[in-house]
Amino acid sequence: MRVLIAEDHAELAESVARVLRRDGIAADVALDGQQALQMTVVVDYDVVVLDRDLPRLHGDEVCRTLVANGVRTKVLMLTASGTVADRVDGLSIGADDYLPKPFAYAELTARIRALARRSQPPLPPTLAHDDLRLDTGRRVATRAGERLPLSPKELAVLEYLLAAQGRVISAEELLERVWDEAADPFTTTVKSTINRLRAKLGDPPVIVTVPQSGYRI
């Protein structure tokens, strides 16, 4: 999952991004409406967390443009006002959900995950390959009945590979869908994570490297 946080308060935006990244969600930050709209052209985000009162381009205009362009991205609108009229206005211009400030990070994360499930074909409750199981709701992976000590990023990579159902996934695709703008595309980030994941999954190996192409399960 990849999320854009469009919020002009830099400290709040980075705080939300840190929370999401700890939960295995790739999170980018835009500090104004024009930047947010430009970033949605480059990256196919699952969810945009959109502050309504953005500088340079109002959040309402960002939302209207996304809807007009027919993107699959879901919009979670944030505002300091929690009145019913404000919520109705936000939803009427195309927002998929609405959350007043201040908010609990746990609720924000849960709402983002719920919206992301609606932005793409739904994952089954369990992804499996032989004796490897991943509970997509509880975010728990097991092999031969034993729980695997995976980090949030390792879980995200495993989920993406299992959901591909044997399709070869390139390192570039993994970097785009599982990591965020903080990741350096010229590092061995993907390879290192795959190697750690392979070690934790144990034998027999389940992740296959396809030379010059990528990885598959």
Protein backbone atom coordinates (compact mmCIF):
# COMPACT_ATOMS: atom_id res chain seq x y z
CA MET A 1 0.00 0.00 0.00
CA ARG A 2 1.24 3.50 -0.83
CA VAL A 3 -0.28 6.61 0.74
CA LEU A 4 0.14 10.34 0.17
CA ILE A 5 -0.26 12.66 3.16
CA ALA A 6 -1.19 16.14 1.92
CA GLU A 7 -0.88 18.32 5.02
CA ASP A 8 0.68 21.80 5.32
CA HIS A 9 1.71 21.38 8.96
CA ALA A 10 5.05 19.69 8.34
CA GLU A 11 5.43 18.30 11.85
CA LEU A 12 1.99 16.66 11.79
CA ALA A 13 2.55 15.31 8.27
CA GLU A 14 5.88 13.72 9.19
CA SER A 15 4.42 12.34 12.42
CA VAL A 16 1.61 10.64 10.51
CA ALA A 17 4.10 9.33 7.94
CA ARG A 18 6.28 7.81 10.69
CA VAL A 19 3.28 6.06 12.24
CA LEU A 20 2.19 4.63 8.89
CA ARG A 21 5.71 3.49 8.00
CA ARG A 22 6.00 1.67 11.33
CA ASP A 23 2.84 -0.18 10.31
CA GLY A 24 4.37 -1.23 6.99
CA ILE A 25 2.59 1.41 4.87
CA ALA A 26 4.64 3.40 2.36
CA ALA A 27 3.91 7.07 3.03
CA ASP A 28 4.89 10.19 1.06
CA VAL A 29 4.30 13.81 2.14
CA ALA A 30 3.09 16.89 0.24
CA LEU A 31 2.94 20.26 2.00
CA ASP A 32 0.59 22.07 -0.39
CA GLY A 33 -2.18 21.30 -2.86
CA GLN A 34 -0.19 21.82 -6.05
CA GLN A 35 2.57 19.51 -4.88
CA ALA A 36 -0.01 16.89 -3.88
CA LEU A 37 -1.67 16.97 -7.29
CA GLN A 38 1.69 16.73 -9.08
CA MET A 39 2.67 13.72 -6.99
CA THR A 40 -0.58 11.89 -7.81
CA VAL A 41 0.29 12.20 -11.49
CA VAL A 42 3.63 10.45 -10.94
CA VAL A 43 2.57 7.81 -8.37
CA ASP A 44 -0.53 5.61 -8.38
CA TYR A 45 -1.47 6.07 -4.72
CA ASP A 46 -3.94 3.80 -2.98
CA VAL A 47 -5.07 6.55 -0.59
CA VAL A 48 -4.56 10.31 -0.30
CA VAL A 49 -4.94 11.73 3.20
CA LEU A 50 -6.00 15.23 2.23
CA ASP A 51 -6.12 18.23 4.53
CA ARG A 52 -8.95 20.45 3.35
CA ASP A 53 -7.24 23.80 4.01
CA LEU A 54 -4.08 23.43 1.93
CA PRO A 55 -2.09 26.41 0.60
CA ARG A 56 -1.49 27.10 -3.13
CA LEU A 57 -4.38 24.82 -4.13
CA HIS A 58 -7.29 24.17 -1.78
CA GLY A 59 -7.93 20.59 -0.75
CA ASP A 60 -11.41 20.76 -2.29
CA GLU A 61 -9.86 21.50 -5.69
CA VAL A 62 -7.37 18.68 -5.29
CA CYS A 63 -10.22 16.29 -4.53
CA ARG A 64 -12.36 17.52 -7.42
CA THR A 65 -9.45 17.11 -9.83
CA LEU A 66 -8.72 13.56 -8.69
CA VAL A 67 -12.38 12.63 -9.12
CA ALA A 68 -12.55 14.32 -12.54
CA ASN A 69 -9.45 12.42 -13.68
CA GLY A 70 -11.09 9.12 -12.76
CA VAL A 71 -8.21 7.83 -10.67
CA ARG A 72 -8.71 4.79 -8.45
CA THR A 73 -7.11 6.61 -5.51
CA LYS A 74 -9.36 6.95 -2.46
CA VAL A 75 -9.47 10.27 -0.61
CA LEU A 76 -9.60 10.60 3.17
CA MET A 77 -10.28 14.25 3.93
CA LEU A 78 -9.04 15.92 7.11
CA THR A 79 -10.29 19.19 8.57
CA ALA A 80 -10.18 21.14 11.80
CA SER A 81 -13.97 21.48 11.58
CA GLY A 82 -16.05 18.49 12.58
CA THR A 83 -19.52 19.88 11.85
CA VAL A 84 -22.05 17.80 9.95
CA ALA A 85 -22.25 20.47 7.24
CA ASP A 86 -18.49 20.32 6.74
CA ARG A 87 -18.52 16.53 6.46
CA VAL A 88 -21.38 16.68 3.95
CA ASP A 89 -19.47 19.26 1.88
CA GLY A 90 -16.34 17.11 1.84
CA LEU A 91 -18.17 13.96 0.84
CA SER A 92 -20.24 15.78 -1.79
CA ILE A 93 -17.14 16.81 -3.77
CA GLY A 94 -15.91 13.23 -3.95
CA ALA A 95 -14.05 12.40 -0.74
CA ASP A 96 -14.43 8.74 0.24
CA ASP A 97 -14.11 9.31 3.98
CA TYR A 98 -13.82 12.20 6.40
CA LEU A 99 -11.94 12.57 9.67
CA PRO A 100 -11.97 15.70 11.87
CA LYS A 101 -8.89 16.91 13.71
CA PRO A 102 -7.64 16.04 16.24
CA PHE A 103 -7.71 12.31 15.50
CA ALA A 104 -6.26 9.14 16.95
CA TYR A 105 -3.47 7.63 14.85
CA ALA A 106 -4.95 4.15 15.32
CA GLU A 107 -8.26 5.28 13.83
CA LEU A 108 -6.53 7.06 10.95
CA THR A 109 -4.52 3.92 10.12
CA ALA A 110 -7.63 1.73 10.29
CA ARG A 111 -9.53 4.08 7.97
CA ILE A 112 -6.63 4.18 5.51
CA ARG A 113 -6.47 0.38 5.39
CA ALA A 114 -10.25 0.18 4.89
CA LEU A 115 -10.09 2.65 2.00
CA ALA A 116 -7.11 0.88 0.43
CA ARG A 117 -9.08 -2.36 0.35
CA ARG A 118 -11.71 -0.52 -1.71
CA SER A 119 -9.16 0.94 -4.14
CA GLN A 120 -8.02 -2.43 -5.47
CA PRO A 121 -9.32 -5.98 -5.86
CA PRO A 122 -9.88 -7.30 -2.34
CA LEU A 123 -7.35 -9.69 -0.87
CA PRO A 124 -8.67 -12.94 0.56
CA PRO A 125 -8.55 -13.29 4.36
CA THR A 126 -5.60 -15.66 3.98
CA LEU A 127 -2.88 -15.77 1.33
CA ALA A 128 -1.17 -19.14 1.11
CA HIS A 129 1.54 -21.09 -0.67
CA ASP A 130 2.10 -24.68 0.46
CA ASP A 131 2.60 -24.46 4.26
CA LEU A 132 3.12 -20.67 4.21
CA ARG A 133 0.13 -18.63 5.41
CA LEU A 134 -0.43 -14.88 5.72
CA ASP A 135 -3.46 -13.58 7.60
CA THR A 136 -4.08 -10.30 5.75
CA GLY A 137 -6.37 -8.90 8.45
CA ARG A 138 -4.26 -9.68 11.51
CA ARG A 139 -0.97 -9.13 9.64
CA VAL A 140 0.43 -12.44 10.87
CA ALA A 141 2.51 -14.90 8.81
CA THR A 142 3.06 -18.55 9.71
CA ARG A 143 4.91 -21.48 8.20
CA ALA A 144 4.06 -25.03 9.15
CA GLY A 145 1.92 -23.53 11.91
CA GLU A 146 4.78 -21.50 13.44
CA ARG A 147 4.51 -17.72 13.59
CA LEU A 148 7.24 -15.91 11.67
CA PRO A 149 8.99 -12.88 13.27
CA LEU A 150 8.58 -10.55 10.29
CA SER A 151 8.98 -6.79 10.33
CA PRO A 152 6.16 -4.63 8.87
CA LYS A 153 8.17 -4.11 5.67
CA GLU A 154 8.91 -7.83 5.32
CA LEU A 155 5.21 -8.56 5.81
CA ALA A 156 4.34 -6.03 3.13
CA VAL A 157 6.78 -7.59 0.65
CA LEU A 158 5.51 -11.08 1.42
CA GLU A 159 1.90 -9.97 0.99
CA TYR A 160 2.67 -8.37 -2.38
CA LEU A 161 4.47 -11.45 -3.66
CA LEU A 162 1.79 -13.87 -2.44
CA ALA A 163 -1.00 -11.72 -3.91
CA ALA A 164 0.76 -11.78 -7.30
CA GLN A 165 -0.01 -15.54 -7.49
CA GLY A 166 3.19 -16.53 -9.25
CA ARG A 167 3.62 -13.41 -11.37
CA VAL A 168 7.19 -12.13 -11.51
CA ILE A 169 7.52 -8.86 -9.60
CA SER A 170 10.41 -6.60 -10.50
CA ALA A 171 12.51 -4.81 -7.89
CA GLU A 172 11.27 -1.53 -9.37
CA GLU A 173 7.62 -2.53 -8.85
CA LEU A 174 8.30 -3.56 -5.26
CA LEU A 175 10.11 -0.28 -4.63
CA GLU A 176 7.17 1.70 -6.04
CA ARG A 177 4.37 -0.19 -4.28
CA VAL A 178 5.92 -1.18 -0.93
CA TRP A 179 8.42 1.62 -0.28
CA ASP A 180 7.95 5.40 -0.42
CA GLU A 181 9.87 8.47 -1.54
CA ALA A 182 12.26 8.08 1.40
CA ALA A 183 13.74 4.99 -0.26
CA ASP A 184 16.81 5.49 -2.44
CA PRO A 185 16.16 3.71 -5.77
CA PHE A 186 19.91 3.20 -6.27
CA THR A 187 20.45 1.19 -3.09
CA THR A 188 20.09 -2.54 -2.47
CA THR A 189 17.04 -1.95 -0.23
CA VAL A 190 14.79 -4.43 -2.05
CA LYS A 191 17.47 -7.12 -2.34
CA SER A 192 18.41 -6.78 1.34
CA THR A 193 14.78 -7.07 2.45
CA ILE A 194 14.22 -10.10 0.21
CA ASN A 195 17.33 -11.77 1.66
CA ARG A 196 16.15 -11.17 5.24
CA LEU A 197 12.69 -12.44 4.35
CA ARG A 198 14.11 -15.59 2.76
CA ALA A 199 16.15 -16.30 5.90
CA LYS A 200 13.09 -15.95 8.14
CA LEU A 201 10.88 -18.06 5.86
CA GLY A 202 13.35 -20.95 6.11
CA ASP A 203 13.59 -24.07 3.95
CA PRO A 204 12.58 -25.13 1.44
CA PRO A 205 12.92 -21.70 -0.20
CA VAL A 206 9.70 -20.15 -1.51
CA ILE A 207 10.94 -16.89 -3.07
CA VAL A 208 12.51 -17.46 -6.46
CA THR A 209 14.82 -14.96 -8.15
CA VAL A 210 14.15 -14.69 -11.87
CA PRO A 211 17.35 -13.37 -13.47
CA GLN A 212 17.02 -9.91 -15.04
CA SER A 213 13.31 -9.86 -14.12
CA GLY A 214 12.61 -9.94 -10.39
CA TYR A 215 11.06 -12.23 -7.81
CA ARG A 216 8.11 -14.59 -7.49
CA ILE A 217 6.58 -17.12 -5.14
